[in-house]
Amino acid sequence: MDFRQLEIFCKVLELRSFSKAGEAVYLTQPTISEHIKSLEEDLGTRLLDRMGKEVIPTKAGEIIYKYAKQLLELRVEAKQVLEKFSRKMVGEITIGGSNIPGEYVLPYLLGKFKESYPGISIYLRIGDTRDIIDGVLNNRIEIGIVGAKIQNTRLEYSEFIKDELVLAVPPAHPWASRTSIRPEELKDGAFIIRERGSGTRMTIENVLHKAGIGFNRLNIIAEMGSTEAVRQGIKAGIGVSILSKRAIEDELKYGTLQEKKIEGIRFVRSFYVVILKGKTKSPLVNTFFGFLLESITKEQSDLSTDH
């Protein structure tokens, strides 16, 4: 049993496919099969079963996967400790960002981080909040930045930066000439909303609930899977929406969209850094985690200045 066999085994199990695992590690499918066969012979037990096109782990496979991930992480950690000792920080880190932080916050921060640590390769995965948290729970994402908390005893959240959601309308909308909208008027708008699992949607539902307004009272005419789709839908005149102000800064600046206040209601939320609770952070992850936390003061200061 060697590290390469364990790496290939984990990749096959995670992707549920020999061919996809081969593409991921740049090996042919027969070579992947040979590595798995050799590992099973070494351990004296079957680790994977084929169910049609899908590959699933046996009970022994589930046990070995847990320890294989720990061994592979320890190998990376040992290498990074030695590199840090020699003042050379290199390696790879996989970051997950829900739509707003992933598209409008992290790219800039990752650029600044790379200036200080050019030897680190960063892989950014973007999805909705539930997707990113699932990735953290499944050990496919080392650090996640999300727009809402999904409670799970295995997760540890750290507050990152603040974000404000606003009611956005196109210039031709009847509300465009208004300075503010009364809460009871929301039911008259044609709303475009994000899909279930989105942190933006969770925030809207929670704030409206606290204000005594049921989310189901909104006239929802479209549900879309990304902030970009919602933004384009508003600009096309399909309807209005409540979404992060970060996502429409240019539109507000140039007047292609307008922000409207909702009397007595403000949609302010936090973004959170999420990791597995109790998991030892590698030196590389520790370095990036510290960099994120250092960004908090300036972002919060900027937000308070805006108001």
C-alpha atoms as a PDB file:
ATOM      1  CA  MET A   1       0.000   0.000   0.000  1.00  0.00           C
ATOM      2  CA  ASP A   2       1.408   3.392  -0.988  1.00  0.00           C
ATOM      3  CA  PHE A   3       0.218   6.985  -1.018  1.00  0.00           C
ATOM      4  CA  ARG A   4      -0.436   6.952  -4.766  1.00  0.00           C
ATOM      5  CA  GLN A   5      -2.798   3.986  -4.420  1.00  0.00           C
ATOM      6  CA  LEU A   6      -4.626   5.707  -1.572  1.00  0.00           C
ATOM      7  CA  GLU A   7      -4.908   8.943  -3.561  1.00  0.00           C
ATOM      8  CA  ILE A   8      -6.384   7.096  -6.554  1.00  0.00           C
ATOM      9  CA  PHE A   9      -8.750   5.085  -4.353  1.00  0.00           C
ATOM     10  CA  CYS A  10     -10.082   8.269  -2.706  1.00  0.00           C
ATOM     11  CA  LYS A  11     -10.549   9.940  -6.091  1.00  0.00           C
ATOM     12  CA  VAL A  12     -12.498   6.945  -7.475  1.00  0.00           C
ATOM     13  CA  LEU A  13     -14.739   6.879  -4.409  1.00  0.00           C
ATOM     14  CA  GLU A  14     -15.354  10.645  -4.443  1.00  0.00           C
ATOM     15  CA  LEU A  15     -16.154  10.773  -8.160  1.00  0.00           C
ATOM     16  CA  ARG A  16     -17.959   7.389  -8.121  1.00  0.00           C
ATOM     17  CA  SER A  17     -16.253   6.546 -11.399  1.00  0.00           C
ATOM     18  CA  PHE A  18     -13.020   4.901 -12.603  1.00  0.00           C
ATOM     19  CA  SER A  19     -13.005   6.914 -15.840  1.00  0.00           C
ATOM     20  CA  LYS A  20     -13.618  10.278 -14.120  1.00  0.00           C
ATOM     21  CA  ALA A  21     -10.929   9.491 -11.559  1.00  0.00           C
ATOM     22  CA  GLY A  22      -8.551   8.681 -14.410  1.00  0.00           C
ATOM     23  CA  GLU A  23      -9.225  12.052 -16.014  1.00  0.00           C
ATOM     24  CA  ALA A  24      -8.683  13.795 -12.674  1.00  0.00           C
ATOM     25  CA  VAL A  25      -5.267  12.222 -12.034  1.00  0.00           C
ATOM     26  CA  TYR A  26      -4.213  11.899 -15.716  1.00  0.00           C
ATOM     27  CA  LEU A  27      -4.173   8.090 -15.847  1.00  0.00           C
ATOM     28  CA  THR A  28      -5.965   5.622 -18.099  1.00  0.00           C
ATOM     29  CA  GLN A  29      -8.899   3.647 -16.765  1.00  0.00           C
ATOM     30  CA  PRO A  30      -6.987   0.313 -16.930  1.00  0.00           C
ATOM     31  CA  THR A  31      -4.180   1.869 -14.871  1.00  0.00           C
ATOM     32  CA  ILE A  32      -6.710   3.101 -12.308  1.00  0.00           C
ATOM     33  CA  SER A  33      -8.236  -0.389 -12.124  1.00  0.00           C
ATOM     34  CA  GLU A  34      -4.787  -1.925 -11.636  1.00  0.00           C
ATOM     35  CA  HIS A  35      -4.003   0.410  -8.740  1.00  0.00           C
ATOM     36  CA  ILE A  36      -7.320  -0.418  -7.037  1.00  0.00           C
ATOM     37  CA  LYS A  37      -6.789  -4.162  -7.591  1.00  0.00           C
ATOM     38  CA  SER A  38      -3.301  -3.944  -6.115  1.00  0.00           C
ATOM     39  CA  LEU A  39      -4.601  -2.038  -3.079  1.00  0.00           C
ATOM     40  CA  GLU A  40      -7.386  -4.581  -2.506  1.00  0.00           C
ATOM     41  CA  GLU A  41      -4.901  -7.460  -2.760  1.00  0.00           C
ATOM     42  CA  ASP A  42      -2.565  -5.743  -0.316  1.00  0.00           C
ATOM     43  CA  LEU A  43      -5.384  -5.232   2.196  1.00  0.00           C
ATOM     44  CA  GLY A  44      -6.979  -8.606   1.508  1.00  0.00           C
ATOM     45  CA  THR A  45     -10.486  -7.242   1.037  1.00  0.00           C
ATOM     46  CA  ARG A  46     -12.767  -5.767  -1.616  1.00  0.00           C
ATOM     47  CA  LEU A  47     -13.068  -1.990  -1.357  1.00  0.00           C
ATOM     48  CA  LEU A  48     -15.344  -0.990  -4.245  1.00  0.00           C
ATOM     49  CA  ASP A  49     -18.401  -2.440  -5.986  1.00  0.00           C
ATOM     50  CA  ARG A  50     -19.664  -1.497  -9.432  1.00  0.00           C
ATOM     51  CA  MET A  51     -23.405  -0.739  -9.631  1.00  0.00           C
ATOM     52  CA  GLY A  52     -23.983  -0.153 -13.328  1.00  0.00           C
ATOM     53  CA  LYS A  53     -21.887   2.871 -14.246  1.00  0.00           C
ATOM     54  CA  GLU A  54     -21.552   3.998 -10.637  1.00  0.00           C
ATOM     55  CA  VAL A  55     -18.913   2.858  -8.168  1.00  0.00           C
ATOM     56  CA  ILE A  56     -19.856   2.519  -4.491  1.00  0.00           C
ATOM     57  CA  PRO A  57     -17.687   1.627  -1.486  1.00  0.00           C
ATOM     58  CA  THR A  58     -18.010  -1.600   0.454  1.00  0.00           C
ATOM     59  CA  LYS A  59     -18.089  -1.348   4.238  1.00  0.00           C
ATOM     60  CA  ALA A  60     -14.334  -1.971   4.224  1.00  0.00           C
ATOM     61  CA  GLY A  61     -13.977   0.723   1.571  1.00  0.00           C
ATOM     62  CA  GLU A  62     -15.767   3.267   3.775  1.00  0.00           C
ATOM     63  CA  ILE A  63     -13.405   2.478   6.657  1.00  0.00           C
ATOM     64  CA  ILE A  64     -10.268   2.665   4.498  1.00  0.00           C
ATOM     65  CA  TYR A  65     -11.432   5.929   2.901  1.00  0.00           C
ATOM     66  CA  LYS A  66     -11.591   7.613   6.316  1.00  0.00           C
ATOM     67  CA  TYR A  67      -8.039   6.600   7.209  1.00  0.00           C
ATOM     68  CA  ALA A  68      -6.719   7.188   3.697  1.00  0.00           C
ATOM     69  CA  LYS A  69      -7.888  10.818   3.799  1.00  0.00           C
ATOM     70  CA  GLN A  70      -6.190  11.286   7.168  1.00  0.00           C
ATOM     71  CA  LEU A  71      -2.928   9.789   5.879  1.00  0.00           C
ATOM     72  CA  LEU A  72      -2.971  11.942   2.749  1.00  0.00           C
ATOM     73  CA  GLU A  73      -3.693  15.067   4.793  1.00  0.00           C
ATOM     74  CA  LEU A  74      -0.864  14.220   7.210  1.00  0.00           C
ATOM     75  CA  ARG A  75       1.520  13.809   4.280  1.00  0.00           C
ATOM     76  CA  VAL A  76       0.562  17.246   2.944  1.00  0.00           C
ATOM     77  CA  GLU A  77       0.784  18.778   6.422  1.00  0.00           C
ATOM     78  CA  ALA A  78       4.255  17.328   7.017  1.00  0.00           C
ATOM     79  CA  LYS A  79       5.448  18.668   3.677  1.00  0.00           C
ATOM     80  CA  GLN A  80       4.007  22.116   4.376  1.00  0.00           C
ATOM     81  CA  VAL A  81       5.552  22.279   7.852  1.00  0.00           C
ATOM     82  CA  LEU A  82       8.960  21.537   6.342  1.00  0.00           C
ATOM     83  CA  GLU A  83       8.381  24.127   3.614  1.00  0.00           C
ATOM     84  CA  LYS A  84       7.326  26.719   6.170  1.00  0.00           C
ATOM     85  CA  PHE A  85      10.385  25.874   8.250  1.00  0.00           C
ATOM     86  CA  SER A  86      12.520  26.580   5.214  1.00  0.00           C
ATOM     87  CA  ARG A  87      10.466  29.772   4.589  1.00  0.00           C
ATOM     88  CA  LYS A  88       9.003  28.423   1.371  1.00  0.00           C
ATOM     89  CA  MET A  89       5.206  28.134   1.392  1.00  0.00           C
ATOM     90  CA  VAL A  90       3.908  26.098  -1.556  1.00  0.00           C
ATOM     91  CA  GLY A  91       1.039  23.708  -2.129  1.00  0.00           C
ATOM     92  CA  GLU A  92      -2.619  23.579  -3.085  1.00  0.00           C
ATOM     93  CA  ILE A  93      -5.766  24.630  -1.270  1.00  0.00           C
ATOM     94  CA  THR A  94      -9.404  24.184  -2.289  1.00  0.00           C
ATOM     95  CA  ILE A  95     -11.719  27.027  -1.288  1.00  0.00           C
ATOM     96  CA  GLY A  96     -15.486  27.058  -1.627  1.00  0.00           C
ATOM     97  CA  GLY A  97     -17.581  30.200  -1.967  1.00  0.00           C
ATOM     98  CA  SER A  98     -21.335  30.568  -2.169  1.00  0.00           C
ATOM     99  CA  ASN A  99     -22.458  32.776  -5.051  1.00  0.00           C
ATOM    100  CA  ILE A 100     -21.964  36.272  -3.606  1.00  0.00           C
ATOM    101  CA  PRO A 101     -18.663  35.797  -1.745  1.00  0.00           C
ATOM    102  CA  GLY A 102     -17.450  33.421  -4.459  1.00  0.00           C
ATOM    103  CA  GLU A 103     -18.084  35.841  -7.315  1.00  0.00           C
ATOM    104  CA  TYR A 104     -17.793  39.298  -5.731  1.00  0.00           C
ATOM    105  CA  VAL A 105     -15.523  39.015  -2.655  1.00  0.00           C
ATOM    106  CA  LEU A 106     -13.080  36.127  -2.962  1.00  0.00           C
ATOM    107  CA  PRO A 107     -11.531  36.825  -6.404  1.00  0.00           C
ATOM    108  CA  TYR A 108     -10.048  40.124  -5.164  1.00  0.00           C
ATOM    109  CA  LEU A 109      -8.896  38.596  -1.866  1.00  0.00           C
ATOM    110  CA  LEU A 110      -7.347  35.608  -3.607  1.00  0.00           C
ATOM    111  CA  GLY A 111      -5.420  37.983  -5.852  1.00  0.00           C
ATOM    112  CA  LYS A 112      -4.019  39.794  -2.813  1.00  0.00           C
ATOM    113  CA  PHE A 113      -3.191  36.491  -1.143  1.00  0.00           C
ATOM    114  CA  LYS A 114      -1.315  35.264  -4.226  1.00  0.00           C
ATOM    115  CA  GLU A 115       0.833  38.413  -4.174  1.00  0.00           C
ATOM    116  CA  SER A 116       2.181  37.338  -0.787  1.00  0.00           C
ATOM    117  CA  TYR A 117       2.248  33.601  -1.484  1.00  0.00           C
ATOM    118  CA  PRO A 118       2.891  33.058  -5.206  1.00  0.00           C
ATOM    119  CA  GLY A 119       3.797  29.406  -4.667  1.00  0.00           C
ATOM    120  CA  ILE A 120       0.315  28.478  -3.469  1.00  0.00           C
ATOM    121  CA  SER A 121      -2.219  27.207  -6.021  1.00  0.00           C
ATOM    122  CA  ILE A 122      -5.820  28.002  -5.098  1.00  0.00           C
ATOM    123  CA  TYR A 123      -8.836  26.194  -6.477  1.00  0.00           C
ATOM    124  CA  LEU A 124     -12.102  28.104  -6.020  1.00  0.00           C
ATOM    125  CA  ARG A 125     -15.383  26.235  -6.270  1.00  0.00           C
ATOM    126  CA  ILE A 126     -18.607  28.247  -6.455  1.00  0.00           C
ATOM    127  CA  GLY A 127     -22.076  26.948  -5.596  1.00  0.00           C
ATOM    128  CA  ASP A 128     -24.978  27.803  -3.355  1.00  0.00           C
ATOM    129  CA  THR A 129     -24.528  27.770   0.412  1.00  0.00           C
ATOM    130  CA  ARG A 130     -25.767  24.189   0.812  1.00  0.00           C
ATOM    131  CA  ASP A 131     -23.411  22.930  -1.924  1.00  0.00           C
ATOM    132  CA  ILE A 132     -20.378  24.553  -0.289  1.00  0.00           C
ATOM    133  CA  ILE A 133     -21.249  23.251   3.172  1.00  0.00           C
ATOM    134  CA  ASP A 134     -21.733  19.749   1.760  1.00  0.00           C
ATOM    135  CA  GLY A 135     -18.262  20.049   0.232  1.00  0.00           C
ATOM    136  CA  VAL A 136     -16.780  20.969   3.610  1.00  0.00           C
ATOM    137  CA  LEU A 137     -18.582  18.078   5.307  1.00  0.00           C
ATOM    138  CA  ASN A 138     -17.349  15.654   2.636  1.00  0.00           C
ATOM    139  CA  ASN A 139     -13.745  16.911   2.916  1.00  0.00           C
ATOM    140  CA  ARG A 140     -13.700  18.109  -0.701  1.00  0.00           C
ATOM    141  CA  ILE A 141     -13.430  21.757   0.343  1.00  0.00           C
ATOM    142  CA  GLU A 142     -10.974  22.828   3.029  1.00  0.00           C
ATOM    143  CA  ILE A 143     -12.489  26.242   3.785  1.00  0.00           C
ATOM    144  CA  GLY A 144     -15.906  27.533   2.772  1.00  0.00           C
ATOM    145  CA  ILE A 145     -17.249  31.093   2.748  1.00  0.00           C
ATOM    146  CA  VAL A 146     -21.042  31.135   2.814  1.00  0.00           C
ATOM    147  CA  GLY A 147     -23.924  33.567   3.230  1.00  0.00           C
ATOM    148  CA  ALA A 148     -25.902  31.659   5.859  1.00  0.00           C
ATOM    149  CA  LYS A 149     -25.417  29.114   8.624  1.00  0.00           C
ATOM    150  CA  ILE A 150     -26.761  25.603   8.212  1.00  0.00           C
ATOM    151  CA  GLN A 151     -26.594  24.055  11.662  1.00  0.00           C
ATOM    152  CA  ASN A 152     -24.523  20.892  11.957  1.00  0.00           C
ATOM    153  CA  THR A 153     -22.525  19.774  14.985  1.00  0.00           C
ATOM    154  CA  ARG A 154     -19.573  18.893  12.726  1.00  0.00           C
ATOM    155  CA  LEU A 155     -19.183  22.465  11.483  1.00  0.00           C
ATOM    156  CA  GLU A 156     -17.412  25.473  12.944  1.00  0.00           C
ATOM    157  CA  TYR A 157     -18.362  28.976  11.751  1.00  0.00           C
ATOM    158  CA  SER A 158     -16.389  32.221  12.096  1.00  0.00           C
ATOM    159  CA  GLU A 159     -18.061  35.520  11.189  1.00  0.00           C
ATOM    160  CA  PHE A 160     -16.289  37.032   8.202  1.00  0.00           C
ATOM    161  CA  ILE A 161     -17.731  40.248   6.743  1.00  0.00           C
ATOM    162  CA  LYS A 162     -21.105  41.946   6.522  1.00  0.00           C
ATOM    163  CA  ASP A 163     -23.289  42.109   3.441  1.00  0.00           C
ATOM    164  CA  GLU A 164     -26.461  44.051   2.686  1.00  0.00           C
ATOM    165  CA  LEU A 165     -29.281  42.927   0.424  1.00  0.00           C
ATOM    166  CA  VAL A 166     -31.424  45.546  -1.302  1.00  0.00           C
ATOM    167  CA  LEU A 167     -34.626  45.709  -3.290  1.00  0.00           C
ATOM    168  CA  ALA A 168     -33.572  46.210  -6.924  1.00  0.00           C
ATOM    169  CA  VAL A 169     -35.956  47.406  -9.653  1.00  0.00           C
ATOM    170  CA  PRO A 170     -35.501  48.311 -13.339  1.00  0.00           C
ATOM    171  CA  PRO A 171     -35.880  51.994 -14.366  1.00  0.00           C
ATOM    172  CA  ALA A 172     -39.215  51.377 -16.104  1.00  0.00           C
ATOM    173  CA  HIS A 173     -40.831  49.735 -13.068  1.00  0.00           C
ATOM    174  CA  PRO A 174     -43.743  51.548 -11.333  1.00  0.00           C
ATOM    175  CA  TRP A 175     -41.659  51.620  -8.137  1.00  0.00           C
ATOM    176  CA  ALA A 176     -38.775  53.406  -9.891  1.00  0.00           C
ATOM    177  CA  SER A 177     -40.148  56.858  -9.081  1.00  0.00           C
ATOM    178  CA  ARG A 178     -40.562  55.997  -5.402  1.00  0.00           C
ATOM    179  CA  THR A 179     -37.975  56.609  -2.675  1.00  0.00           C
ATOM    180  CA  SER A 180     -39.269  53.765  -0.521  1.00  0.00           C
ATOM    181  CA  ILE A 181     -41.746  50.892  -0.526  1.00  0.00           C
ATOM    182  CA  ARG A 182     -44.091  49.958   2.301  1.00  0.00           C
ATOM    183  CA  PRO A 183     -43.773  46.336   3.482  1.00  0.00           C
ATOM    184  CA  GLU A 184     -47.407  45.587   2.685  1.00  0.00           C
ATOM    185  CA  GLU A 185     -46.759  46.575  -0.943  1.00  0.00           C
ATOM    186  CA  LEU A 186     -44.244  43.772  -1.457  1.00  0.00           C
ATOM    187  CA  LYS A 187     -47.052  41.376  -2.317  1.00  0.00           C
ATOM    188  CA  ASP A 188     -47.794  43.523  -5.386  1.00  0.00           C
ATOM    189  CA  GLY A 189     -44.316  43.100  -6.897  1.00  0.00           C
ATOM    190  CA  ALA A 190     -43.359  40.371  -9.355  1.00  0.00           C
ATOM    191  CA  PHE A 191     -40.376  38.766  -7.647  1.00  0.00           C
ATOM    192  CA  ILE A 192     -37.450  36.802  -9.047  1.00  0.00           C
ATOM    193  CA  ILE A 193     -35.853  34.703  -6.306  1.00  0.00           C
ATOM    194  CA  ARG A 194     -32.882  32.394  -5.814  1.00  0.00           C
ATOM    195  CA  GLU A 195     -33.280  28.640  -5.470  1.00  0.00           C
ATOM    196  CA  ARG A 196     -33.697  26.724  -2.205  1.00  0.00           C
ATOM    197  CA  GLY A 197     -30.320  26.240  -0.530  1.00  0.00           C
ATOM    198  CA  SER A 198     -29.194  29.763  -1.434  1.00  0.00           C
ATOM    199  CA  GLY A 199     -27.916  31.892   1.458  1.00  0.00           C
ATOM    200  CA  THR A 200     -29.567  34.935  -0.129  1.00  0.00           C
ATOM    201  CA  ARG A 201     -32.956  33.239  -0.069  1.00  0.00           C
ATOM    202  CA  MET A 202     -32.468  32.062   3.532  1.00  0.00           C
ATOM    203  CA  THR A 203     -31.678  35.621   4.601  1.00  0.00           C
ATOM    204  CA  ILE A 204     -34.746  37.051   2.849  1.00  0.00           C
ATOM    205  CA  GLU A 205     -37.012  34.422   4.387  1.00  0.00           C
ATOM    206  CA  ASN A 206     -35.613  35.019   7.900  1.00  0.00           C
ATOM    207  CA  VAL A 207     -35.791  38.832   7.752  1.00  0.00           C
ATOM    208  CA  LEU A 208     -39.331  38.858   6.332  1.00  0.00           C
ATOM    209  CA  HIS A 209     -40.443  36.315   8.927  1.00  0.00           C
ATOM    210  CA  LYS A 210     -39.111  38.514  11.758  1.00  0.00           C
ATOM    211  CA  ALA A 211     -40.948  41.468  10.198  1.00  0.00           C
ATOM    212  CA  GLY A 212     -44.194  39.491  10.272  1.00  0.00           C
ATOM    213  CA  ILE A 213     -44.291  39.007   6.490  1.00  0.00           C
ATOM    214  CA  GLY A 214     -44.596  35.469   5.202  1.00  0.00           C
ATOM    215  CA  PHE A 215     -42.245  34.663   2.331  1.00  0.00           C
ATOM    216  CA  ASN A 216     -45.150  32.909   0.614  1.00  0.00           C
ATOM    217  CA  ARG A 217     -46.966  36.255   0.412  1.00  0.00           C
ATOM    218  CA  LEU A 218     -44.539  37.432  -2.261  1.00  0.00           C
ATOM    219  CA  ASN A 219     -45.709  37.167  -5.855  1.00  0.00           C
ATOM    220  CA  ILE A 220     -42.895  34.887  -7.052  1.00  0.00           C
ATOM    221  CA  ILE A 221     -42.849  34.621 -10.837  1.00  0.00           C
ATOM    222  CA  ALA A 222     -39.401  33.076 -11.366  1.00  0.00           C
ATOM    223  CA  GLU A 223     -36.819  31.074  -9.419  1.00  0.00           C
ATOM    224  CA  MET A 224     -33.228  31.185 -10.684  1.00  0.00           C
ATOM    225  CA  GLY A 225     -30.067  29.289  -9.833  1.00  0.00           C
ATOM    226  CA  SER A 226     -27.557  32.140  -9.696  1.00  0.00           C
ATOM    227  CA  THR A 227     -27.288  35.789  -8.731  1.00  0.00           C
ATOM    228  CA  GLU A 228     -26.185  36.624 -12.268  1.00  0.00           C
ATOM    229  CA  ALA A 229     -29.395  35.121 -13.675  1.00  0.00           C
ATOM    230  CA  VAL A 230     -31.479  37.129 -11.199  1.00  0.00           C
ATOM    231  CA  ARG A 231     -29.610  40.313 -12.060  1.00  0.00           C
ATOM    232  CA  GLN A 232     -30.144  39.824 -15.786  1.00  0.00           C
ATOM    233  CA  GLY A 233     -33.799  38.993 -15.170  1.00  0.00           C
ATOM    234  CA  ILE A 234     -34.352  42.315 -13.400  1.00  0.00           C
ATOM    235  CA  LYS A 235     -32.558  44.227 -16.160  1.00  0.00           C
ATOM    236  CA  ALA A 236     -34.741  42.470 -18.742  1.00  0.00           C
ATOM    237  CA  GLY A 237     -37.851  43.721 -16.943  1.00  0.00           C
ATOM    238  CA  ILE A 238     -39.062  40.282 -15.832  1.00  0.00           C
ATOM    239  CA  GLY A 239     -39.526  41.413 -12.251  1.00  0.00           C
ATOM    240  CA  VAL A 240     -37.832  42.773  -9.133  1.00  0.00           C
ATOM    241  CA  SER A 241     -35.678  41.074  -6.532  1.00  0.00           C
ATOM    242  CA  ILE A 242     -33.857  41.416  -3.239  1.00  0.00           C
ATOM    243  CA  LEU A 243     -30.188  40.631  -3.726  1.00  0.00           C
ATOM    244  CA  SER A 244     -26.724  41.584  -2.539  1.00  0.00           C
ATOM    245  CA  LYS A 245     -25.781  45.189  -3.174  1.00  0.00           C
ATOM    246  CA  ARG A 246     -22.299  43.913  -4.070  1.00  0.00           C
ATOM    247  CA  ALA A 247     -23.765  42.150  -7.105  1.00  0.00           C
ATOM    248  CA  ILE A 248     -25.326  45.276  -8.635  1.00  0.00           C
ATOM    249  CA  GLU A 249     -22.790  47.993  -7.808  1.00  0.00           C
ATOM    250  CA  ASP A 250     -22.161  48.791 -11.493  1.00  0.00           C
ATOM    251  CA  GLU A 251     -25.873  48.807 -12.358  1.00  0.00           C
ATOM    252  CA  LEU A 252     -26.619  51.200  -9.490  1.00  0.00           C
ATOM    253  CA  LYS A 253     -23.708  53.402 -10.518  1.00  0.00           C
ATOM    254  CA  TYR A 254     -24.847  53.695 -14.138  1.00  0.00           C
ATOM    255  CA  GLY A 255     -28.586  53.737 -13.460  1.00  0.00           C
ATOM    256  CA  THR A 256     -29.539  50.493 -15.197  1.00  0.00           C
ATOM    257  CA  LEU A 257     -31.015  49.330 -11.883  1.00  0.00           C
ATOM    258  CA  GLN A 258     -32.337  51.241  -8.888  1.00  0.00           C
ATOM    259  CA  GLU A 259     -32.197  50.460  -5.176  1.00  0.00           C
ATOM    260  CA  LYS A 260     -35.382  51.032  -3.170  1.00  0.00           C
ATOM    261  CA  LYS A 261     -35.683  51.134   0.612  1.00  0.00           C
ATOM    262  CA  ILE A 262     -38.309  48.991   2.304  1.00  0.00           C
ATOM    263  CA  GLU A 263     -39.716  50.971   5.211  1.00  0.00           C
ATOM    264  CA  GLY A 264     -38.670  49.513   8.562  1.00  0.00           C
ATOM    265  CA  ILE A 265     -36.825  46.553   7.039  1.00  0.00           C
ATOM    266  CA  ARG A 266     -33.129  46.150   6.368  1.00  0.00           C
ATOM    267  CA  PHE A 267     -31.558  42.987   4.991  1.00  0.00           C
ATOM    268  CA  VAL A 268     -28.117  42.779   6.590  1.00  0.00           C
ATOM    269  CA  ARG A 269     -26.341  39.459   6.985  1.00  0.00           C
ATOM    270  CA  SER A 270     -22.916  38.080   7.692  1.00  0.00           C
ATOM    271  CA  PHE A 271     -20.739  35.917   5.529  1.00  0.00           C
ATOM    272  CA  TYR A 272     -19.134  33.059   7.438  1.00  0.00           C
ATOM    273  CA  VAL A 273     -15.941  31.086   7.110  1.00  0.00           C
ATOM    274  CA  VAL A 274     -16.866  27.442   7.678  1.00  0.00           C
ATOM    275  CA  ILE A 275     -14.554  24.507   8.408  1.00  0.00           C
ATOM    276  CA  LEU A 276     -14.874  21.040   9.879  1.00  0.00           C
ATOM    277  CA  LYS A 277     -14.927  21.268  13.670  1.00  0.00           C
ATOM    278  CA  GLY A 278     -11.933  19.659  15.337  1.00  0.00           C
ATOM    279  CA  LYS A 279     -10.050  19.085  12.107  1.00  0.00           C
ATOM    280  CA  THR A 280      -6.392  20.057  12.376  1.00  0.00           C
ATOM    281  CA  LYS A 281      -5.684  22.849   9.912  1.00  0.00           C
ATOM    282  CA  SER A 282      -2.568  22.456   7.796  1.00  0.00           C
ATOM    283  CA  PRO A 283      -0.014  25.304   7.838  1.00  0.00           C
ATOM    284  CA  LEU A 284      -1.259  26.375   4.408  1.00  0.00           C
ATOM    285  CA  VAL A 285      -4.908  26.434   5.512  1.00  0.00           C
ATOM    286  CA  ASN A 286      -3.910  28.235   8.714  1.00  0.00           C
ATOM    287  CA  THR A 287      -2.128  30.880   6.646  1.00  0.00           C
ATOM    288  CA  PHE A 288      -5.128  31.460   4.383  1.00  0.00           C
ATOM    289  CA  PHE A 289      -7.552  31.375   7.347  1.00  0.00           C
ATOM    290  CA  GLY A 290      -5.516  34.077   9.087  1.00  0.00           C
ATOM    291  CA  PHE A 291      -5.438  36.155   5.900  1.00  0.00           C
ATOM    292  CA  LEU A 292      -9.251  36.029   5.667  1.00  0.00           C
ATOM    293  CA  LEU A 293      -9.700  37.121   9.260  1.00  0.00           C
ATOM    294  CA  GLU A 294      -7.307  40.029   8.732  1.00  0.00           C
ATOM    295  CA  SER A 295      -9.646  41.287   5.978  1.00  0.00           C
ATOM    296  CA  ILE A 296     -12.596  41.648   8.366  1.00  0.00           C
ATOM    297  CA  THR A 297     -11.778  45.008   9.969  1.00  0.00           C
ATOM    298  CA  LYS A 298     -11.423  46.913   6.695  1.00  0.00           C
ATOM    299  CA  GLU A 299     -14.577  45.412   5.140  1.00  0.00           C
ATOM    300  CA  GLN A 300     -16.701  46.131   8.203  1.00  0.00           C
ATOM    301  CA  SER A 301     -15.282  49.646   8.387  1.00  0.00           C
ATOM    302  CA  ASP A 302     -16.171  50.264   4.732  1.00  0.00           C
ATOM    303  CA  LEU A 303     -19.733  49.028   5.256  1.00  0.00           C
ATOM    304  CA  SER A 304     -20.305  51.249   8.310  1.00  0.00           C
ATOM    305  CA  THR A 305     -18.901  54.240   6.417  1.00  0.00           C
ATOM    306  CA  ASP A 306     -21.426  53.677   3.610  1.00  0.00           C
ATOM    307  CA  HIS A 307     -24.223  54.141   6.130  1.00  0.00           C
END
